[in-house]
Amino acid sequence: MAAVPIYRAPVQPAWIDYNGHLRDAYYVVVLSDAIDALMERVGIGAAYRERTRNTLYSLEMHMHWLEEVKASDTLEIEAVVLGADQKRLHIGCDVRVARHPKPVATAEFMLLHVHQGATPGAAPFPPEILAGIERLRAEADGSDWAGPRSRELALKRR
């Protein structure tokens, strides 16, 4: 099943390094914006965050750079659900540009649903958010996501 497009950003001139390609840090900036777009897609938007004081925190990210990105490129981020449980979401992202047929980078995220308060802590997803995650998983479940993995990220049962 194909990944779901979730975010698009043209490369900015300030993002280019002395070698003429995208600086490492800007992949992460764009992927962070893509995770915000993913949050909107599953129902964890600004209104939800304000109403519930719940959000997603990034616990871990694994990044793999596969091809150079140039100043003339536009980054297109696609996502798949690799796993989910009552509080966590494991996402795979492909970073694409039009001039390459395969991803130029991949990233995996382990995200935790957190209630922000005096002492922030993990909180279960409410049913409507679980439904949003399941809708995204139905569009792109990640069972055949080919992102390289240096060390396995997985939802371990506790």
N, C-alpha and C. Protein backbone atom coordinates (compact mmCIF):
# COMPACT_ATOMS: atom_id res chain seq x y z
N MET A 1 0.85 -1.18 0.00
CA MET A 1 0.00 0.00 0.00
C MET A 1 0.89 1.24 0.00
N ALA A 2 0.62 2.18 -0.83
CA ALA A 2 1.45 3.40 -0.96
C ALA A 2 1.34 4.27 0.28
N ALA A 3 2.42 4.99 0.54
CA ALA A 3 2.42 5.95 1.65
C ALA A 3 1.49 7.11 1.31
N VAL A 4 1.05 7.81 2.34
CA VAL A 4 0.12 8.92 2.19
C VAL A 4 0.90 10.23 2.18
N PRO A 5 0.72 11.07 1.15
CA PRO A 5 1.38 12.38 1.16
C PRO A 5 0.79 13.23 2.30
N ILE A 6 1.68 13.79 3.12
CA ILE A 6 1.19 14.60 4.24
C ILE A 6 1.75 16.02 4.29
N TYR A 7 2.85 16.28 3.56
CA TYR A 7 3.46 17.61 3.67
C TYR A 7 4.35 17.86 2.47
N ARG A 8 4.47 19.13 2.12
CA ARG A 8 5.31 19.54 0.98
C ARG A 8 5.97 20.86 1.33
N ALA A 9 7.27 20.99 1.01
CA ALA A 9 7.99 22.23 1.30
C ALA A 9 9.11 22.44 0.28
N PRO A 10 9.14 23.61 -0.37
CA PRO A 10 10.27 23.90 -1.25
C PRO A 10 11.52 24.16 -0.42
N VAL A 11 12.66 23.72 -0.94
CA VAL A 11 13.93 23.96 -0.26
C VAL A 11 14.22 25.47 -0.29
N GLN A 12 14.58 26.01 0.87
CA GLN A 12 14.90 27.43 0.99
C GLN A 12 16.41 27.64 0.77
N PRO A 13 16.80 28.75 0.16
CA PRO A 13 18.24 28.99 -0.09
C PRO A 13 19.10 28.89 1.17
N ALA A 14 18.59 29.34 2.31
CA ALA A 14 19.38 29.30 3.55
C ALA A 14 19.61 27.88 4.05
N TRP A 15 18.89 26.91 3.52
CA TRP A 15 19.02 25.52 3.95
C TRP A 15 20.17 24.79 3.25
N ILE A 16 20.77 25.42 2.26
CA ILE A 16 21.81 24.77 1.46
C ILE A 16 23.17 25.00 2.08
N ASP A 17 23.97 23.94 2.17
CA ASP A 17 25.29 24.05 2.79
C ASP A 17 26.38 24.35 1.75
N TYR A 18 27.62 24.36 2.21
CA TYR A 18 28.78 24.69 1.38
C TYR A 18 29.03 23.65 0.29
N ASN A 19 28.41 22.47 0.38
CA ASN A 19 28.53 21.45 -0.66
C ASN A 19 27.44 21.57 -1.72
N GLY A 20 26.53 22.51 -1.54
CA GLY A 20 25.46 22.70 -2.50
C GLY A 20 24.27 21.79 -2.32
N HIS A 21 24.16 21.16 -1.14
CA HIS A 21 22.97 20.35 -0.90
C HIS A 21 22.37 20.65 0.47
N LEU A 22 21.19 20.10 0.69
CA LEU A 22 20.42 20.38 1.91
C LEU A 22 21.19 19.97 3.17
N ARG A 23 21.27 20.91 4.13
CA ARG A 23 21.90 20.62 5.42
C ARG A 23 21.08 19.57 6.17
N ASP A 24 21.77 18.71 6.89
CA ASP A 24 21.12 17.64 7.64
C ASP A 24 19.98 18.14 8.51
N ALA A 25 20.21 19.21 9.22
CA ALA A 25 19.23 19.70 10.19
C ALA A 25 17.90 20.07 9.53
N TYR A 26 17.92 20.50 8.28
CA TYR A 26 16.68 20.93 7.64
C TYR A 26 15.80 19.77 7.23
N TYR A 27 16.35 18.60 7.04
CA TYR A 27 15.51 17.42 6.87
C TYR A 27 14.64 17.26 8.11
N VAL A 28 15.26 17.41 9.27
CA VAL A 28 14.56 17.22 10.54
C VAL A 28 13.50 18.31 10.73
N VAL A 29 13.83 19.55 10.36
CA VAL A 29 12.85 20.64 10.46
C VAL A 29 11.62 20.32 9.61
N VAL A 30 11.85 19.92 8.37
CA VAL A 30 10.73 19.61 7.47
C VAL A 30 9.96 18.39 7.97
N LEU A 31 10.66 17.38 8.46
CA LEU A 31 9.96 16.21 8.99
C LEU A 31 9.16 16.55 10.24
N SER A 32 9.65 17.46 11.06
CA SER A 32 8.90 17.91 12.23
C SER A 32 7.60 18.60 11.79
N ASP A 33 7.69 19.44 10.77
CA ASP A 33 6.48 20.07 10.22
C ASP A 33 5.54 19.01 9.64
N ALA A 34 6.09 17.97 9.04
CA ALA A 34 5.27 16.89 8.49
C ALA A 34 4.53 16.15 9.60
N ILE A 35 5.19 15.93 10.73
CA ILE A 35 4.53 15.27 11.86
C ILE A 35 3.39 16.15 12.37
N ASP A 36 3.58 17.48 12.38
CA ASP A 36 2.47 18.37 12.73
C ASP A 36 1.30 18.18 11.78
N ALA A 37 1.58 18.05 10.48
CA ALA A 37 0.52 17.83 9.50
C ALA A 37 -0.16 16.48 9.73
N LEU A 38 0.63 15.46 10.09
CA LEU A 38 0.07 14.16 10.40
C LEU A 38 -0.84 14.25 11.62
N MET A 39 -0.42 15.03 12.63
CA MET A 39 -1.25 15.20 13.82
C MET A 39 -2.61 15.78 13.44
N GLU A 40 -2.60 16.79 12.58
CA GLU A 40 -3.86 17.38 12.10
C GLU A 40 -4.72 16.30 11.43
N ARG A 41 -4.09 15.49 10.60
CA ARG A 41 -4.81 14.48 9.83
C ARG A 41 -5.52 13.46 10.72
N VAL A 42 -4.92 13.10 11.85
CA VAL A 42 -5.54 12.10 12.73
C VAL A 42 -6.39 12.72 13.84
N GLY A 43 -6.48 14.06 13.86
CA GLY A 43 -7.36 14.71 14.83
C GLY A 43 -6.67 15.38 16.00
N ILE A 44 -5.35 15.44 15.99
CA ILE A 44 -4.61 16.06 17.10
C ILE A 44 -4.19 17.46 16.68
N GLY A 45 -5.15 18.23 16.22
CA GLY A 45 -4.89 19.59 15.78
C GLY A 45 -4.91 20.58 16.93
N ALA A 46 -4.81 21.85 16.59
CA ALA A 46 -4.74 22.92 17.59
C ALA A 46 -5.95 22.92 18.52
N ALA A 47 -7.15 22.74 17.97
CA ALA A 47 -8.35 22.75 18.82
C ALA A 47 -8.34 21.58 19.80
N TYR A 48 -7.93 20.41 19.35
CA TYR A 48 -7.83 19.25 20.22
C TYR A 48 -6.82 19.51 21.34
N ARG A 49 -5.66 20.04 20.95
CA ARG A 49 -4.61 20.30 21.95
C ARG A 49 -5.07 21.33 22.98
N GLU A 50 -5.75 22.36 22.52
CA GLU A 50 -6.24 23.39 23.44
C GLU A 50 -7.32 22.83 24.36
N ARG A 51 -8.24 22.05 23.81
CA ARG A 51 -9.36 21.51 24.57
C ARG A 51 -8.90 20.46 25.59
N THR A 52 -7.95 19.60 25.21
CA THR A 52 -7.59 18.46 26.06
C THR A 52 -6.26 18.61 26.78
N ARG A 53 -5.42 19.53 26.31
CA ARG A 53 -4.05 19.68 26.78
C ARG A 53 -3.23 18.42 26.49
N ASN A 54 -3.64 17.67 25.47
CA ASN A 54 -2.92 16.48 25.02
C ASN A 54 -2.25 16.77 23.68
N THR A 55 -1.12 16.14 23.46
CA THR A 55 -0.36 16.31 22.22
C THR A 55 0.51 15.09 22.00
N LEU A 56 1.31 15.11 20.96
CA LEU A 56 2.30 14.06 20.74
C LEU A 56 3.68 14.60 21.04
N TYR A 57 4.47 13.81 21.73
CA TYR A 57 5.88 14.08 21.95
C TYR A 57 6.68 13.07 21.12
N SER A 58 7.77 13.52 20.53
CA SER A 58 8.67 12.60 19.83
C SER A 58 9.58 11.95 20.87
N LEU A 59 9.58 10.62 20.90
CA LEU A 59 10.45 9.88 21.81
C LEU A 59 11.77 9.51 21.14
N GLU A 60 11.67 9.18 19.85
CA GLU A 60 12.85 8.71 19.14
C GLU A 60 12.63 8.94 17.65
N MET A 61 13.75 9.20 16.95
CA MET A 61 13.70 9.37 15.51
C MET A 61 14.95 8.74 14.93
N HIS A 62 14.77 7.99 13.85
CA HIS A 62 15.90 7.42 13.11
C HIS A 62 15.85 7.99 11.70
N MET A 63 16.95 8.56 11.27
CA MET A 63 17.03 9.24 9.97
C MET A 63 18.04 8.53 9.10
N HIS A 64 17.69 8.38 7.83
CA HIS A 64 18.61 7.81 6.85
C HIS A 64 18.63 8.71 5.62
N TRP A 65 19.82 9.18 5.27
CA TRP A 65 20.01 10.01 4.08
C TRP A 65 20.44 9.10 2.95
N LEU A 66 19.73 9.17 1.82
CA LEU A 66 19.97 8.23 0.73
C LEU A 66 20.47 8.90 -0.55
N GLU A 67 20.04 10.12 -0.82
CA GLU A 67 20.44 10.87 -2.02
C GLU A 67 20.57 12.34 -1.64
N GLU A 68 21.30 13.09 -2.44
CA GLU A 68 21.43 14.53 -2.21
C GLU A 68 20.14 15.26 -2.59
N VAL A 69 19.86 16.31 -1.84
CA VAL A 69 18.76 17.22 -2.17
C VAL A 69 19.39 18.56 -2.52
N LYS A 70 18.96 19.13 -3.62
CA LYS A 70 19.52 20.38 -4.14
C LYS A 70 18.59 21.56 -3.88
N ALA A 71 19.10 22.76 -4.09
CA ALA A 71 18.35 24.00 -3.85
C ALA A 71 17.08 24.09 -4.68
N SER A 72 17.06 23.49 -5.85
CA SER A 72 15.90 23.58 -6.74
C SER A 72 14.80 22.57 -6.41
N ASP A 73 15.03 21.70 -5.43
CA ASP A 73 14.07 20.64 -5.11
C ASP A 73 12.94 21.13 -4.21
N THR A 74 11.83 20.42 -4.30
CA THR A 74 10.73 20.54 -3.34
C THR A 74 10.63 19.21 -2.62
N LEU A 75 10.63 19.26 -1.31
CA LEU A 75 10.53 18.05 -0.50
C LEU A 75 9.07 17.65 -0.35
N GLU A 76 8.80 16.39 -0.59
CA GLU A 76 7.46 15.84 -0.41
C GLU A 76 7.56 14.71 0.60
N ILE A 77 6.81 14.84 1.67
CA ILE A 77 6.87 13.85 2.76
C ILE A 77 5.63 12.97 2.69
N GLU A 78 5.87 11.66 2.69
CA GLU A 78 4.81 10.67 2.73
C GLU A 78 4.95 9.87 4.03
N ALA A 79 3.82 9.41 4.57
CA ALA A 79 3.87 8.70 5.85
C ALA A 79 3.06 7.41 5.79
N VAL A 80 3.49 6.47 6.62
CA VAL A 80 2.77 5.22 6.85
C VAL A 80 2.73 4.95 8.34
N VAL A 81 1.69 4.29 8.79
CA VAL A 81 1.60 3.84 10.18
C VAL A 81 2.31 2.49 10.25
N LEU A 82 3.38 2.44 11.03
CA LEU A 82 4.11 1.19 11.23
C LEU A 82 3.59 0.43 12.44
N GLY A 83 2.94 1.14 13.35
CA GLY A 83 2.38 0.51 14.54
C GLY A 83 1.70 1.55 15.40
N ALA A 84 0.79 1.09 16.23
CA ALA A 84 0.11 1.97 17.18
C ALA A 84 -0.42 1.12 18.33
N ASP A 85 -0.45 1.72 19.50
CA ASP A 85 -1.13 1.09 20.64
C ASP A 85 -1.94 2.17 21.33
N GLN A 86 -2.29 2.00 22.57
CA GLN A 86 -3.17 2.94 23.26
C GLN A 86 -2.56 4.32 23.49
N LYS A 87 -1.21 4.42 23.50
CA LYS A 87 -0.55 5.69 23.79
C LYS A 87 0.54 6.08 22.80
N ARG A 88 0.97 5.14 21.95
CA ARG A 88 2.12 5.39 21.09
C ARG A 88 1.76 5.21 19.62
N LEU A 89 2.54 5.91 18.80
CA LEU A 89 2.35 5.87 17.36
C LEU A 89 3.72 5.75 16.71
N HIS A 90 3.91 4.73 15.88
CA HIS A 90 5.17 4.48 15.19
C HIS A 90 4.93 4.81 13.72
N ILE A 91 5.64 5.81 13.22
CA ILE A 91 5.42 6.33 11.87
C ILE A 91 6.69 6.17 11.04
N GLY A 92 6.51 5.78 9.79
CA GLY A 92 7.60 5.78 8.81
C GLY A 92 7.35 6.88 7.80
N CYS A 93 8.39 7.64 7.49
CA CYS A 93 8.27 8.73 6.51
C CYS A 93 9.27 8.54 5.38
N ASP A 94 8.79 8.80 4.18
CA ASP A 94 9.66 8.87 3.02
C ASP A 94 9.78 10.33 2.62
N VAL A 95 11.00 10.77 2.35
CA VAL A 95 11.25 12.12 1.84
C VAL A 95 11.53 11.94 0.35
N ARG A 96 10.75 12.62 -0.47
CA ARG A 96 10.88 12.47 -1.92
C ARG A 96 11.10 13.82 -2.59
N VAL A 97 11.72 13.78 -3.75
CA VAL A 97 11.82 14.93 -4.66
C VAL A 97 11.49 14.41 -6.05
N ALA A 98 10.98 15.28 -6.89
CA ALA A 98 10.47 14.87 -8.20
C ALA A 98 11.53 14.22 -9.09
N ARG A 99 12.79 14.62 -8.96
CA ARG A 99 13.82 14.12 -9.89
C ARG A 99 14.37 12.74 -9.53
N HIS A 100 13.93 12.16 -8.41
CA HIS A 100 14.37 10.82 -8.02
C HIS A 100 13.16 9.89 -7.93
N PRO A 101 13.25 8.69 -8.49
CA PRO A 101 12.10 7.78 -8.41
C PRO A 101 11.92 7.16 -7.02
N LYS A 102 12.99 7.09 -6.24
CA LYS A 102 12.92 6.50 -4.90
C LYS A 102 13.12 7.58 -3.85
N PRO A 103 12.81 7.29 -2.58
CA PRO A 103 13.01 8.29 -1.53
C PRO A 103 14.47 8.76 -1.46
N VAL A 104 14.64 10.04 -1.15
CA VAL A 104 15.98 10.60 -0.95
C VAL A 104 16.40 10.48 0.51
N ALA A 105 15.42 10.21 1.37
CA ALA A 105 15.69 10.00 2.80
C ALA A 105 14.48 9.28 3.39
N THR A 106 14.71 8.62 4.51
CA THR A 106 13.60 8.03 5.28
C THR A 106 13.81 8.39 6.74
N ALA A 107 12.71 8.37 7.46
CA ALA A 107 12.77 8.61 8.91
C ALA A 107 11.69 7.79 9.58
N GLU A 108 12.02 7.32 10.76
CA GLU A 108 11.06 6.63 11.61
C GLU A 108 10.89 7.45 12.88
N PHE A 109 9.67 7.55 13.33
CA PHE A 109 9.36 8.26 14.57
C PHE A 109 8.62 7.35 15.52
N MET A 110 8.96 7.44 16.80
CA MET A 110 8.15 6.86 17.86
C MET A 110 7.59 8.06 18.62
N LEU A 111 6.27 8.17 18.61
CA LEU A 111 5.57 9.31 19.19
C LEU A 111 4.72 8.85 20.37
N LEU A 112 4.63 9.68 21.40
CA LEU A 112 3.87 9.35 22.61
C LEU A 112 2.79 10.40 22.83
N HIS A 113 1.57 9.94 23.08
CA HIS A 113 0.46 10.83 23.40
C HIS A 113 0.61 11.26 24.86
N VAL A 114 0.72 12.55 25.09
CA VAL A 114 1.04 13.09 26.41
C VAL A 114 0.00 14.13 26.82
N HIS A 115 -0.41 14.05 28.09
CA HIS A 115 -1.22 15.11 28.68
C HIS A 115 -0.26 16.11 29.31
N GLN A 116 -0.33 17.35 28.85
CA GLN A 116 0.54 18.39 29.37
C GLN A 116 -0.12 19.04 30.58
N GLY A 117 0.60 19.08 31.64
CA GLY A 117 0.10 19.70 32.86
C GLY A 117 1.29 19.97 33.76
N ALA A 118 1.02 20.10 35.06
CA ALA A 118 2.10 20.35 36.02
C ALA A 118 3.16 19.26 35.92
N THR A 119 2.71 18.04 35.77
CA THR A 119 3.62 16.92 35.53
C THR A 119 3.13 16.17 34.29
N PRO A 120 3.68 16.51 33.12
CA PRO A 120 3.24 15.84 31.89
C PRO A 120 3.42 14.33 32.00
N GLY A 121 2.48 13.60 31.42
CA GLY A 121 2.57 12.15 31.45
C GLY A 121 1.82 11.54 30.29
N ALA A 122 2.17 10.30 30.00
CA ALA A 122 1.52 9.56 28.92
C ALA A 122 0.03 9.44 29.20
N ALA A 123 -0.75 9.56 28.13
CA ALA A 123 -2.21 9.46 28.24
C ALA A 123 -2.73 8.60 27.10
N PRO A 124 -3.75 7.78 27.37
CA PRO A 124 -4.31 6.98 26.28
C PRO A 124 -4.97 7.87 25.22
N PHE A 125 -4.90 7.43 23.97
CA PHE A 125 -5.61 8.12 22.91
C PHE A 125 -7.11 7.96 23.15
N PRO A 126 -7.89 9.03 22.99
CA PRO A 126 -9.34 8.86 23.06
C PRO A 126 -9.84 8.15 21.79
N PRO A 127 -11.05 7.60 21.83
CA PRO A 127 -11.56 6.83 20.69
C PRO A 127 -11.52 7.57 19.36
N GLU A 128 -11.81 8.87 19.35
CA GLU A 128 -11.83 9.59 18.07
C GLU A 128 -10.42 9.70 17.46
N ILE A 129 -9.40 9.77 18.30
CA ILE A 129 -8.03 9.83 17.78
C ILE A 129 -7.59 8.44 17.31
N LEU A 130 -7.94 7.40 18.06
CA LEU A 130 -7.66 6.03 17.60
C LEU A 130 -8.33 5.78 16.24
N ALA A 131 -9.53 6.31 16.06
CA ALA A 131 -10.22 6.15 14.78
C ALA A 131 -9.46 6.88 13.67
N GLY A 132 -8.93 8.07 13.96
CA GLY A 132 -8.13 8.81 12.98
C GLY A 132 -6.86 8.07 12.61
N ILE A 133 -6.23 7.46 13.59
CA ILE A 133 -5.02 6.66 13.34
C ILE A 133 -5.38 5.46 12.48
N GLU A 134 -6.49 4.82 12.76
CA GLU A 134 -6.91 3.65 11.98
C GLU A 134 -7.26 4.04 10.54
N ARG A 135 -7.84 5.22 10.34
CA ARG A 135 -8.11 5.69 8.98
C ARG A 135 -6.80 5.88 8.21
N LEU A 136 -5.81 6.47 8.88
CA LEU A 136 -4.51 6.66 8.23
C LEU A 136 -3.87 5.31 7.95
N ARG A 137 -3.95 4.39 8.90
CA ARG A 137 -3.38 3.05 8.70
C ARG A 137 -4.06 2.35 7.53
N ALA A 138 -5.35 2.54 7.36
CA ALA A 138 -6.08 1.92 6.24
C ALA A 138 -5.61 2.49 4.90
N GLU A 139 -5.22 3.76 4.89
CA GLU A 139 -4.70 4.37 3.67
C GLU A 139 -3.28 3.88 3.36
N ALA A 140 -2.49 3.66 4.41
CA ALA A 140 -1.09 3.26 4.25
C ALA A 140 -0.63 2.58 5.53
N ASP A 141 -0.72 1.25 5.56
CA ASP A 141 -0.45 0.53 6.81
C ASP A 141 1.01 0.26 7.10
N GLY A 142 1.88 0.47 6.16
CA GLY A 142 3.31 0.31 6.42
C GLY A 142 3.82 -1.11 6.40
N SER A 143 2.99 -2.09 6.09
CA SER A 143 3.45 -3.48 6.12
C SER A 143 4.57 -3.74 5.12
N ASP A 144 4.63 -2.93 4.07
CA ASP A 144 5.72 -3.13 3.10
C ASP A 144 6.64 -1.92 3.01
N TRP A 145 6.64 -1.06 4.06
CA TRP A 145 7.52 0.10 4.06
C TRP A 145 8.95 -0.39 4.03
N ALA A 146 9.72 0.13 3.11
CA ALA A 146 11.07 -0.38 2.88
C ALA A 146 12.16 0.50 3.48
N GLY A 147 11.81 1.42 4.37
CA GLY A 147 12.82 2.29 4.96
C GLY A 147 13.92 1.49 5.63
N PRO A 148 15.18 1.86 5.38
CA PRO A 148 16.27 1.13 6.03
C PRO A 148 16.25 1.36 7.53
N ARG A 149 16.65 0.36 8.25
CA ARG A 149 16.60 0.47 9.71
C ARG A 149 17.96 0.11 10.28
N SER A 150 18.55 1.07 11.01
CA SER A 150 19.84 0.81 11.61
C SER A 150 19.67 0.06 12.93
N ARG A 151 18.59 0.33 13.58
CA ARG A 151 18.25 -0.33 14.83
C ARG A 151 16.74 -0.34 14.88
N GLU A 152 16.15 -1.44 15.24
CA GLU A 152 14.71 -1.56 15.18
C GLU A 152 14.01 -0.62 16.15
N LEU A 153 13.03 0.07 15.63
CA LEU A 153 12.06 0.80 16.44
C LEU A 153 10.81 -0.06 16.42
N ALA A 154 10.25 -0.36 17.57
CA ALA A 154 9.05 -1.19 17.59
C ALA A 154 8.26 -0.89 18.85
N LEU A 155 6.96 -1.16 18.78
CA LEU A 155 6.11 -1.04 19.95
C LEU A 155 6.28 -2.32 20.76
N LYS A 156 6.90 -2.20 21.90
CA LYS A 156 7.10 -3.35 22.76
C LYS A 156 5.97 -3.37 23.78
N ARG A 157 5.35 -4.51 23.94
CA ARG A 157 4.26 -4.65 24.91
C ARG A 157 4.83 -4.58 26.32
N ARG A 158 4.13 -3.84 27.15
CA ARG A 158 4.60 -3.66 28.55
C ARG A 158 3.76 -4.44 29.50
